[in-house]
Amino acid sequence: MNTYEKLQSCLAAVRAKTNFVPSAALVLGSGLGDFADTQVKTAASIAYDEIAGFPVSTVSGHRGQFVFGYIGDVPVVVMQGRVHYYEGYPMPDVVLPIRLMGLLGAKTILLTNAAGGINYTFNVGDFMLISDHIGSFIPSPLIGENIDALGTRFPDMSDIYSGELRARIRNAAANLGTPLREGVYAQLTGPQFETPGEIRMLRALGADAVGMSTACEAIAARHMGMRVCGISCISNLACGLSPVPLTHDEVKETADRVAPLFKKLVSASISLM
């Protein structure tokens, strides 16, 4: 079964369980796992393992389901748990959930993540609006035969993180009184944290934060014509900036600590889309 056939099979499996049509999609990063439990008026939920051929996250704390419902008046599909390239899935499987949400009807997608801060002015717990990304260190999700039904062979990425949506998120943050940084996100494969030399390289390239997701998802979404935006929670200082070794526990602790503010920002942002 090729990528498009698998995508169509997953679409049929979801449609057999719900006819809900979202206008926006949301991918929940670390610390936002219970977002849908408190912020979404749920209409339906589908566990990933109920969808034949669908990649299932192996990362602890990731719930592994789609939630369909409303944030305010906006119909949304929410991913509680994403899959990562470092889990061993081929890149087409990593972005299959993004493409599926697009085929379900979502025209806009908000990607969230926990990221390491590279910019010297960033602090742990800050939120960073993603203005651009560096995805050159991961395989492009568009490698291979183009799926013409999804998008063009050579899609433009000059405004991959929509300027219009970024303005709306800035307004949402201002209305909440929530400080909001802005910068460039770099995706590396992981799962190991970066070395000091790699962080110096990324800073020289213009990156403000680094993580192990998001850029590939943004590329796949934009290829389909979806409007893309993203917010990072700076969960730790990147290697070389922190005096202590990096751990996943530190990432989770920070993400959980600032989750209440992050949830408010995400809800307010979605309601403006």
C-alpha atoms as a PDB file:
ATOM      1  CA  MET A   1       0.000   0.000   0.000  1.00  0.00           C
ATOM      2  CA  ASN A   2       1.496   3.356  -1.031  1.00  0.00           C
ATOM      3  CA  THR A   3       1.326   6.548   1.038  1.00  0.00           C
ATOM      4  CA  TYR A   4      -1.817   7.915  -0.593  1.00  0.00           C
ATOM      5  CA  GLU A   5      -3.634   4.581  -0.374  1.00  0.00           C
ATOM      6  CA  LYS A   6      -2.770   4.340   3.333  1.00  0.00           C
ATOM      7  CA  LEU A   7      -3.987   7.909   3.821  1.00  0.00           C
ATOM      8  CA  GLN A   8      -7.286   7.116   2.095  1.00  0.00           C
ATOM      9  CA  SER A   9      -7.676   3.969   4.200  1.00  0.00           C
ATOM     10  CA  CYS A  10      -7.171   5.982   7.406  1.00  0.00           C
ATOM     11  CA  LEU A  11      -9.632   8.596   6.175  1.00  0.00           C
ATOM     12  CA  ALA A  12     -12.269   5.928   5.559  1.00  0.00           C
ATOM     13  CA  ALA A  13     -11.668   4.470   9.044  1.00  0.00           C
ATOM     14  CA  VAL A  14     -12.201   7.864  10.683  1.00  0.00           C
ATOM     15  CA  ARG A  15     -15.252   8.651   8.582  1.00  0.00           C
ATOM     16  CA  ALA A  16     -16.764   5.315   9.605  1.00  0.00           C
ATOM     17  CA  LYS A  17     -16.748   6.621  13.182  1.00  0.00           C
ATOM     18  CA  THR A  18     -17.575  10.332  12.784  1.00  0.00           C
ATOM     19  CA  ASN A  19     -18.777  12.798  10.151  1.00  0.00           C
ATOM     20  CA  PHE A  20     -17.427  15.777  12.115  1.00  0.00           C
ATOM     21  CA  VAL A  21     -15.801  18.354   9.797  1.00  0.00           C
ATOM     22  CA  PRO A  22     -13.165  20.554  11.481  1.00  0.00           C
ATOM     23  CA  SER A  23     -12.071  23.915  10.150  1.00  0.00           C
ATOM     24  CA  ALA A  24      -8.910  24.002  12.295  1.00  0.00           C
ATOM     25  CA  ALA A  25      -6.425  21.385  13.478  1.00  0.00           C
ATOM     26  CA  LEU A  26      -4.331  21.466  16.636  1.00  0.00           C
ATOM     27  CA  VAL A  27      -1.299  19.351  17.524  1.00  0.00           C
ATOM     28  CA  LEU A  28      -0.617  19.193  21.268  1.00  0.00           C
ATOM     29  CA  GLY A  29       2.987  19.156  22.423  1.00  0.00           C
ATOM     30  CA  SER A  30       4.441  18.293  25.831  1.00  0.00           C
ATOM     31  CA  GLY A  31       2.480  19.736  28.746  1.00  0.00           C
ATOM     32  CA  LEU A  32      -0.732  20.105  26.762  1.00  0.00           C
ATOM     33  CA  GLY A  33      -1.791  16.474  26.846  1.00  0.00           C
ATOM     34  CA  ASP A  34      -4.967  17.156  28.812  1.00  0.00           C
ATOM     35  CA  PHE A  35      -5.878  20.295  26.837  1.00  0.00           C
ATOM     36  CA  ALA A  36      -8.778  18.613  25.087  1.00  0.00           C
ATOM     37  CA  ASP A  37     -10.187  17.415  28.409  1.00  0.00           C
ATOM     38  CA  THR A  38     -10.681  20.970  29.657  1.00  0.00           C
ATOM     39  CA  GLN A  39     -10.700  23.285  26.643  1.00  0.00           C
ATOM     40  CA  VAL A  40     -12.665  21.385  23.975  1.00  0.00           C
ATOM     41  CA  LYS A  41     -16.410  20.749  23.874  1.00  0.00           C
ATOM     42  CA  THR A  42     -15.983  17.191  22.653  1.00  0.00           C
ATOM     43  CA  ALA A  43     -18.161  15.705  19.944  1.00  0.00           C
ATOM     44  CA  ALA A  44     -16.157  12.520  19.295  1.00  0.00           C
ATOM     45  CA  SER A  45     -12.792  10.900  19.994  1.00  0.00           C
ATOM     46  CA  ILE A  46     -10.919   8.164  18.169  1.00  0.00           C
ATOM     47  CA  ALA A  47      -7.844   6.359  19.511  1.00  0.00           C
ATOM     48  CA  TYR A  48      -5.017   6.052  17.011  1.00  0.00           C
ATOM     49  CA  ASP A  49      -4.899   2.285  17.470  1.00  0.00           C
ATOM     50  CA  GLU A  50      -8.492   2.106  16.213  1.00  0.00           C
ATOM     51  CA  ILE A  51      -7.287   3.320  12.805  1.00  0.00           C
ATOM     52  CA  ALA A  52      -5.627   0.527  10.829  1.00  0.00           C
ATOM     53  CA  GLY A  53      -2.182   1.532   9.575  1.00  0.00           C
ATOM     54  CA  PHE A  54      -2.046   4.696  11.674  1.00  0.00           C
ATOM     55  CA  PRO A  55       1.281   5.404  13.453  1.00  0.00           C
ATOM     56  CA  VAL A  56       1.023   5.239  17.260  1.00  0.00           C
ATOM     57  CA  SER A  57       3.200   7.396  19.535  1.00  0.00           C
ATOM     58  CA  THR A  58       5.580   5.542  21.865  1.00  0.00           C
ATOM     59  CA  VAL A  59       6.452   8.624  23.965  1.00  0.00           C
ATOM     60  CA  SER A  60       5.241   8.578  27.568  1.00  0.00           C
ATOM     61  CA  GLY A  61       2.603  11.185  28.355  1.00  0.00           C
ATOM     62  CA  HIS A  62       1.172  11.211  24.821  1.00  0.00           C
ATOM     63  CA  ARG A  63      -2.473  10.105  24.934  1.00  0.00           C
ATOM     64  CA  GLY A  64      -2.678   8.889  21.346  1.00  0.00           C
ATOM     65  CA  GLN A  65      -6.071   9.959  20.075  1.00  0.00           C
ATOM     66  CA  PHE A  66      -7.955  12.416  17.902  1.00  0.00           C
ATOM     67  CA  VAL A  67     -10.510  14.599  19.664  1.00  0.00           C
ATOM     68  CA  PHE A  68     -13.206  16.316  17.598  1.00  0.00           C
ATOM     69  CA  GLY A  69     -15.182  19.206  19.009  1.00  0.00           C
ATOM     70  CA  TYR A  70     -15.341  22.956  19.492  1.00  0.00           C
ATOM     71  CA  ILE A  71     -13.059  25.579  20.957  1.00  0.00           C
ATOM     72  CA  GLY A  72     -15.471  28.470  21.300  1.00  0.00           C
ATOM     73  CA  ASP A  73     -17.373  28.405  18.025  1.00  0.00           C
ATOM     74  CA  VAL A  74     -14.503  26.900  16.013  1.00  0.00           C
ATOM     75  CA  PRO A  75     -14.848  23.232  14.979  1.00  0.00           C
ATOM     76  CA  VAL A  76     -11.492  21.565  15.609  1.00  0.00           C
ATOM     77  CA  VAL A  77      -9.674  18.256  15.413  1.00  0.00           C
ATOM     78  CA  VAL A  78      -7.047  17.869  18.118  1.00  0.00           C
ATOM     79  CA  MET A  79      -4.101  15.481  18.143  1.00  0.00           C
ATOM     80  CA  GLN A  80      -3.439  14.314  21.702  1.00  0.00           C
ATOM     81  CA  GLY A  81       0.034  12.980  21.073  1.00  0.00           C
ATOM     82  CA  ARG A  82       2.147  13.138  17.919  1.00  0.00           C
ATOM     83  CA  VAL A  83       4.599  10.688  16.391  1.00  0.00           C
ATOM     84  CA  HIS A  84       8.248  11.627  15.924  1.00  0.00           C
ATOM     85  CA  TYR A  85      10.820  10.645  13.332  1.00  0.00           C
ATOM     86  CA  TYR A  86      13.132   9.397  16.100  1.00  0.00           C
ATOM     87  CA  GLU A  87      10.572   6.722  17.044  1.00  0.00           C
ATOM     88  CA  GLY A  88      11.595   4.869  13.897  1.00  0.00           C
ATOM     89  CA  TYR A  89       8.649   5.690  11.667  1.00  0.00           C
ATOM     90  CA  PRO A  90       9.382   6.644   8.042  1.00  0.00           C
ATOM     91  CA  MET A  91       8.739  10.317   7.381  1.00  0.00           C
ATOM     92  CA  PRO A  92       5.529   9.721   5.348  1.00  0.00           C
ATOM     93  CA  ASP A  93       4.053   8.042   8.440  1.00  0.00           C
ATOM     94  CA  VAL A  94       5.224  10.865  10.716  1.00  0.00           C
ATOM     95  CA  VAL A  95       3.221  13.399   8.702  1.00  0.00           C
ATOM     96  CA  LEU A  96       0.301  11.115   7.850  1.00  0.00           C
ATOM     97  CA  PRO A  97      -1.770  12.503  10.774  1.00  0.00           C
ATOM     98  CA  ILE A  98      -1.269  16.057   9.498  1.00  0.00           C
ATOM     99  CA  ARG A  99      -2.380  15.114   6.001  1.00  0.00           C
ATOM    100  CA  LEU A 100      -5.334  13.192   7.399  1.00  0.00           C
ATOM    101  CA  MET A 101      -6.555  16.218   9.362  1.00  0.00           C
ATOM    102  CA  GLY A 102      -6.319  18.258   6.173  1.00  0.00           C
ATOM    103  CA  LEU A 103      -8.403  15.719   4.272  1.00  0.00           C
ATOM    104  CA  LEU A 104     -10.941  15.732   7.104  1.00  0.00           C
ATOM    105  CA  GLY A 105     -11.533  19.412   6.371  1.00  0.00           C
ATOM    106  CA  ALA A 106      -9.049  21.443   8.414  1.00  0.00           C
ATOM    107  CA  LYS A 107      -7.843  24.530   6.536  1.00  0.00           C
ATOM    108  CA  THR A 108      -5.708  25.918   9.376  1.00  0.00           C
ATOM    109  CA  ILE A 109      -3.301  24.140  11.721  1.00  0.00           C
ATOM    110  CA  LEU A 110      -1.673  25.247  14.978  1.00  0.00           C
ATOM    111  CA  LEU A 111       1.415  23.228  15.912  1.00  0.00           C
ATOM    112  CA  THR A 112       2.685  23.326  19.501  1.00  0.00           C
ATOM    113  CA  ASN A 113       5.827  21.866  21.014  1.00  0.00           C
ATOM    114  CA  ALA A 114       8.331  21.995  23.835  1.00  0.00           C
ATOM    115  CA  ALA A 115      11.682  23.346  22.646  1.00  0.00           C
ATOM    116  CA  GLY A 116      15.152  24.139  23.883  1.00  0.00           C
ATOM    117  CA  GLY A 117      16.023  27.822  23.995  1.00  0.00           C
ATOM    118  CA  ILE A 118      19.010  28.844  21.865  1.00  0.00           C
ATOM    119  CA  ASN A 119      18.485  32.609  21.919  1.00  0.00           C
ATOM    120  CA  TYR A 120      20.454  34.067  24.841  1.00  0.00           C
ATOM    121  CA  THR A 121      17.544  36.344  25.779  1.00  0.00           C
ATOM    122  CA  PHE A 122      15.053  33.483  26.211  1.00  0.00           C
ATOM    123  CA  ASN A 123      14.112  32.114  29.618  1.00  0.00           C
ATOM    124  CA  VAL A 124      12.732  28.754  30.648  1.00  0.00           C
ATOM    125  CA  GLY A 125       8.939  28.944  30.508  1.00  0.00           C
ATOM    126  CA  ASP A 126       8.782  31.543  27.727  1.00  0.00           C
ATOM    127  CA  PHE A 127       6.421  31.076  24.778  1.00  0.00           C
ATOM    128  CA  MET A 128       7.836  31.601  21.280  1.00  0.00           C
ATOM    129  CA  LEU A 129       5.679  32.298  18.254  1.00  0.00           C
ATOM    130  CA  ILE A 130       7.346  30.465  15.366  1.00  0.00           C
ATOM    131  CA  SER A 131       8.114  32.885  12.538  1.00  0.00           C
ATOM    132  CA  ASP A 132      10.124  30.448  10.400  1.00  0.00           C
ATOM    133  CA  HIS A 133      11.956  27.169  10.689  1.00  0.00           C
ATOM    134  CA  ILE A 134      15.138  25.360   9.682  1.00  0.00           C
ATOM    135  CA  GLY A 135      14.262  21.833   8.582  1.00  0.00           C
ATOM    136  CA  SER A 136      17.360  20.984   6.579  1.00  0.00           C
ATOM    137  CA  PHE A 137      18.592  18.418   9.131  1.00  0.00           C
ATOM    138  CA  ILE A 138      15.641  16.066   8.636  1.00  0.00           C
ATOM    139  CA  PRO A 139      14.366  14.284   5.517  1.00  0.00           C
ATOM    140  CA  SER A 140      11.700  16.296   3.723  1.00  0.00           C
ATOM    141  CA  PRO A 141       8.265  14.670   4.014  1.00  0.00           C
ATOM    142  CA  LEU A 142       7.843  15.453   0.303  1.00  0.00           C
ATOM    143  CA  ILE A 143      10.708  13.222  -0.874  1.00  0.00           C
ATOM    144  CA  GLY A 144       9.565  10.564  -3.329  1.00  0.00           C
ATOM    145  CA  GLU A 145       6.805  10.576  -5.891  1.00  0.00           C
ATOM    146  CA  ASN A 146       4.632  13.656  -5.438  1.00  0.00           C
ATOM    147  CA  ILE A 147       1.038  13.072  -4.381  1.00  0.00           C
ATOM    148  CA  ASP A 148      -0.612  15.407  -6.876  1.00  0.00           C
ATOM    149  CA  ALA A 149      -3.970  15.056  -5.108  1.00  0.00           C
ATOM    150  CA  LEU A 150      -2.426  16.810  -2.085  1.00  0.00           C
ATOM    151  CA  GLY A 151      -0.281  19.508  -3.642  1.00  0.00           C
ATOM    152  CA  THR A 152       2.260  20.640  -6.196  1.00  0.00           C
ATOM    153  CA  ARG A 153       5.668  19.019  -6.689  1.00  0.00           C
ATOM    154  CA  PHE A 154       7.570  22.185  -5.683  1.00  0.00           C
ATOM    155  CA  PRO A 155       5.516  24.075  -3.054  1.00  0.00           C
ATOM    156  CA  ASP A 156       6.473  27.586  -1.967  1.00  0.00           C
ATOM    157  CA  MET A 157       7.586  27.933   1.657  1.00  0.00           C
ATOM    158  CA  SER A 158       8.251  31.688   1.802  1.00  0.00           C
ATOM    159  CA  ASP A 159       5.342  32.266   4.204  1.00  0.00           C
ATOM    160  CA  ILE A 160       5.096  28.800   5.726  1.00  0.00           C
ATOM    161  CA  TYR A 161       4.063  30.260   9.119  1.00  0.00           C
ATOM    162  CA  SER A 162       1.257  32.562   8.025  1.00  0.00           C
ATOM    163  CA  GLY A 163       1.890  36.224   8.746  1.00  0.00           C
ATOM    164  CA  GLU A 164      -1.851  36.750   9.155  1.00  0.00           C
ATOM    165  CA  LEU A 165      -2.142  33.994  11.745  1.00  0.00           C
ATOM    166  CA  ARG A 166       0.930  35.220  13.609  1.00  0.00           C
ATOM    167  CA  ALA A 167      -0.696  38.646  13.913  1.00  0.00           C
ATOM    168  CA  ARG A 168      -3.819  37.029  15.376  1.00  0.00           C
ATOM    169  CA  ILE A 169      -1.774  35.058  17.906  1.00  0.00           C
ATOM    170  CA  ARG A 170       0.078  38.219  18.934  1.00  0.00           C
ATOM    171  CA  ASN A 171      -3.302  39.858  19.516  1.00  0.00           C
ATOM    172  CA  ALA A 172      -4.475  36.877  21.559  1.00  0.00           C
ATOM    173  CA  ALA A 173      -1.342  37.030  23.715  1.00  0.00           C
ATOM    174  CA  ALA A 174      -1.706  40.786  24.193  1.00  0.00           C
ATOM    175  CA  ASN A 175      -5.346  40.403  25.245  1.00  0.00           C
ATOM    176  CA  LEU A 176      -4.295  37.819  27.829  1.00  0.00           C
ATOM    177  CA  GLY A 177      -1.313  39.865  28.998  1.00  0.00           C
ATOM    178  CA  THR A 178       0.928  36.910  28.143  1.00  0.00           C
ATOM    179  CA  PRO A 179       4.489  37.770  27.045  1.00  0.00           C
ATOM    180  CA  LEU A 180       5.254  36.239  23.656  1.00  0.00           C
ATOM    181  CA  ARG A 181       8.671  35.850  22.073  1.00  0.00           C
ATOM    182  CA  GLU A 182       9.075  35.269  18.346  1.00  0.00           C
ATOM    183  CA  GLY A 183      11.752  33.390  16.478  1.00  0.00           C
ATOM    184  CA  VAL A 184      13.044  30.616  14.239  1.00  0.00           C
ATOM    185  CA  TYR A 185      12.587  26.966  15.212  1.00  0.00           C
ATOM    186  CA  ALA A 186      15.073  24.283  14.131  1.00  0.00           C
ATOM    187  CA  GLN A 187      14.146  20.603  13.948  1.00  0.00           C
ATOM    188  CA  LEU A 188      16.784  17.914  14.434  1.00  0.00           C
ATOM    189  CA  THR A 189      16.072  14.189  14.400  1.00  0.00           C
ATOM    190  CA  GLY A 190      16.832  13.386  18.055  1.00  0.00           C
ATOM    191  CA  PRO A 191      16.253  11.488  20.234  1.00  0.00           C
ATOM    192  CA  GLN A 192      19.517  12.586  21.816  1.00  0.00           C
ATOM    193  CA  PHE A 193      19.731  16.178  22.989  1.00  0.00           C
ATOM    194  CA  GLU A 194      22.041  18.430  20.990  1.00  0.00           C
ATOM    195  CA  THR A 195      25.731  18.919  21.708  1.00  0.00           C
ATOM    196  CA  PRO A 196      27.184  22.351  22.572  1.00  0.00           C
ATOM    197  CA  GLY A 197      28.776  22.435  19.112  1.00  0.00           C
ATOM    198  CA  GLU A 198      25.453  21.756  17.425  1.00  0.00           C
ATOM    199  CA  ILE A 199      23.805  24.537  19.427  1.00  0.00           C
ATOM    200  CA  ARG A 200      26.551  26.978  18.400  1.00  0.00           C
ATOM    201  CA  MET A 201      25.984  25.922  14.782  1.00  0.00           C
ATOM    202  CA  LEU A 202      22.230  26.419  15.030  1.00  0.00           C
ATOM    203  CA  ARG A 203      22.667  29.832  16.635  1.00  0.00           C
ATOM    204  CA  ALA A 204      25.017  30.844  13.822  1.00  0.00           C
ATOM    205  CA  LEU A 205      22.359  29.719  11.325  1.00  0.00           C
ATOM    206  CA  GLY A 206      19.781  31.965  12.976  1.00  0.00           C
ATOM    207  CA  ALA A 207      17.798  29.499  15.099  1.00  0.00           C
ATOM    208  CA  ASP A 208      16.217  30.692  18.336  1.00  0.00           C
ATOM    209  CA  ALA A 209      14.886  27.335  19.553  1.00  0.00           C
ATOM    210  CA  VAL A 210      15.390  23.658  18.752  1.00  0.00           C
ATOM    211  CA  GLY A 211      13.278  20.520  18.981  1.00  0.00           C
ATOM    212  CA  MET A 212      12.473  17.162  17.434  1.00  0.00           C
ATOM    213  CA  SER A 213       9.143  17.803  15.696  1.00  0.00           C
ATOM    214  CA  THR A 214       6.995  20.434  13.969  1.00  0.00           C
ATOM    215  CA  ALA A 215       9.024  21.506  10.916  1.00  0.00           C
ATOM    216  CA  CYS A 216       8.217  18.341   8.963  1.00  0.00           C
ATOM    217  CA  GLU A 217       4.547  18.717   9.946  1.00  0.00           C
ATOM    218  CA  ALA A 218       4.491  22.331   8.796  1.00  0.00           C
ATOM    219  CA  ILE A 219       5.977  21.357   5.417  1.00  0.00           C
ATOM    220  CA  ALA A 220       3.371  18.639   4.866  1.00  0.00           C
ATOM    221  CA  ALA A 221       0.528  20.961   5.873  1.00  0.00           C
ATOM    222  CA  ARG A 222       1.716  23.787   3.664  1.00  0.00           C
ATOM    223  CA  HIS A 223       2.124  21.386   0.742  1.00  0.00           C
ATOM    224  CA  MET A 224      -1.621  20.733   1.075  1.00  0.00           C
ATOM    225  CA  GLY A 225      -2.426  24.443   1.116  1.00  0.00           C
ATOM    226  CA  MET A 226      -3.218  24.596   4.825  1.00  0.00           C
ATOM    227  CA  ARG A 227      -2.486  27.789   6.730  1.00  0.00           C
ATOM    228  CA  VAL A 228       0.163  27.051   9.354  1.00  0.00           C
ATOM    229  CA  CYS A 229       1.121  28.622  12.669  1.00  0.00           C
ATOM    230  CA  GLY A 230       3.119  27.362  15.630  1.00  0.00           C
ATOM    231  CA  ILE A 231       3.998  28.115  19.241  1.00  0.00           C
ATOM    232  CA  SER A 232       6.917  26.687  21.221  1.00  0.00           C
ATOM    233  CA  CYS A 233       7.175  26.454  24.969  1.00  0.00           C
ATOM    234  CA  ILE A 234      10.807  27.042  25.901  1.00  0.00           C
ATOM    235  CA  SER A 235      11.043  24.120  28.290  1.00  0.00           C
ATOM    236  CA  ASN A 236      14.783  24.169  28.872  1.00  0.00           C
ATOM    237  CA  LEU A 237      17.915  26.068  27.945  1.00  0.00           C
ATOM    238  CA  ALA A 238      19.783  24.316  25.139  1.00  0.00           C
ATOM    239  CA  CYS A 239      23.059  22.512  25.728  1.00  0.00           C
ATOM    240  CA  GLY A 240      25.883  24.907  26.609  1.00  0.00           C
ATOM    241  CA  LEU A 241      23.512  27.445  28.177  1.00  0.00           C
ATOM    242  CA  SER A 242      22.506  25.312  31.151  1.00  0.00           C
ATOM    243  CA  PRO A 243      24.933  24.299  33.917  1.00  0.00           C
ATOM    244  CA  VAL A 244      23.201  20.928  34.376  1.00  0.00           C
ATOM    245  CA  PRO A 245      22.772  17.967  31.998  1.00  0.00           C
ATOM    246  CA  LEU A 246      19.560  18.003  29.952  1.00  0.00           C
ATOM    247  CA  THR A 247      16.831  15.501  30.773  1.00  0.00           C
ATOM    248  CA  HIS A 248      13.346  14.745  29.460  1.00  0.00           C
ATOM    249  CA  ASP A 249      12.082  15.117  33.035  1.00  0.00           C
ATOM    250  CA  GLU A 250      13.154  18.774  32.990  1.00  0.00           C
ATOM    251  CA  VAL A 251      11.272  19.317  29.735  1.00  0.00           C
ATOM    252  CA  LYS A 252       8.110  17.740  31.154  1.00  0.00           C
ATOM    253  CA  GLU A 253       8.376  19.624  34.465  1.00  0.00           C
ATOM    254  CA  THR A 254       8.570  23.014  32.759  1.00  0.00           C
ATOM    255  CA  ALA A 255       5.857  22.170  30.235  1.00  0.00           C
ATOM    256  CA  ASP A 256       3.531  21.050  33.026  1.00  0.00           C
ATOM    257  CA  ARG A 257       4.292  24.144  35.115  1.00  0.00           C
ATOM    258  CA  VAL A 258       3.370  26.639  32.388  1.00  0.00           C
ATOM    259  CA  ALA A 259       0.566  24.502  30.916  1.00  0.00           C
ATOM    260  CA  PRO A 260      -2.275  26.628  32.383  1.00  0.00           C
ATOM    261  CA  LEU A 261      -0.971  29.743  30.606  1.00  0.00           C
ATOM    262  CA  PHE A 262      -0.215  27.781  27.438  1.00  0.00           C
ATOM    263  CA  LYS A 263      -3.762  26.382  27.360  1.00  0.00           C
ATOM    264  CA  LYS A 264      -5.249  29.872  27.620  1.00  0.00           C
ATOM    265  CA  LEU A 265      -3.001  31.150  24.821  1.00  0.00           C
ATOM    266  CA  VAL A 266      -3.831  28.227  22.531  1.00  0.00           C
ATOM    267  CA  SER A 267      -7.580  28.510  23.161  1.00  0.00           C
ATOM    268  CA  ALA A 268      -7.548  32.271  22.564  1.00  0.00           C
ATOM    269  CA  SER A 269      -5.488  31.823  19.397  1.00  0.00           C
ATOM    270  CA  ILE A 270      -7.790  29.140  17.957  1.00  0.00           C
ATOM    271  CA  SER A 271     -10.864  31.264  18.695  1.00  0.00           C
ATOM    272  CA  LEU A 272      -9.417  33.999  16.466  1.00  0.00           C
ATOM    273  CA  MET A 273      -8.915  31.641  13.520  1.00  0.00           C
END
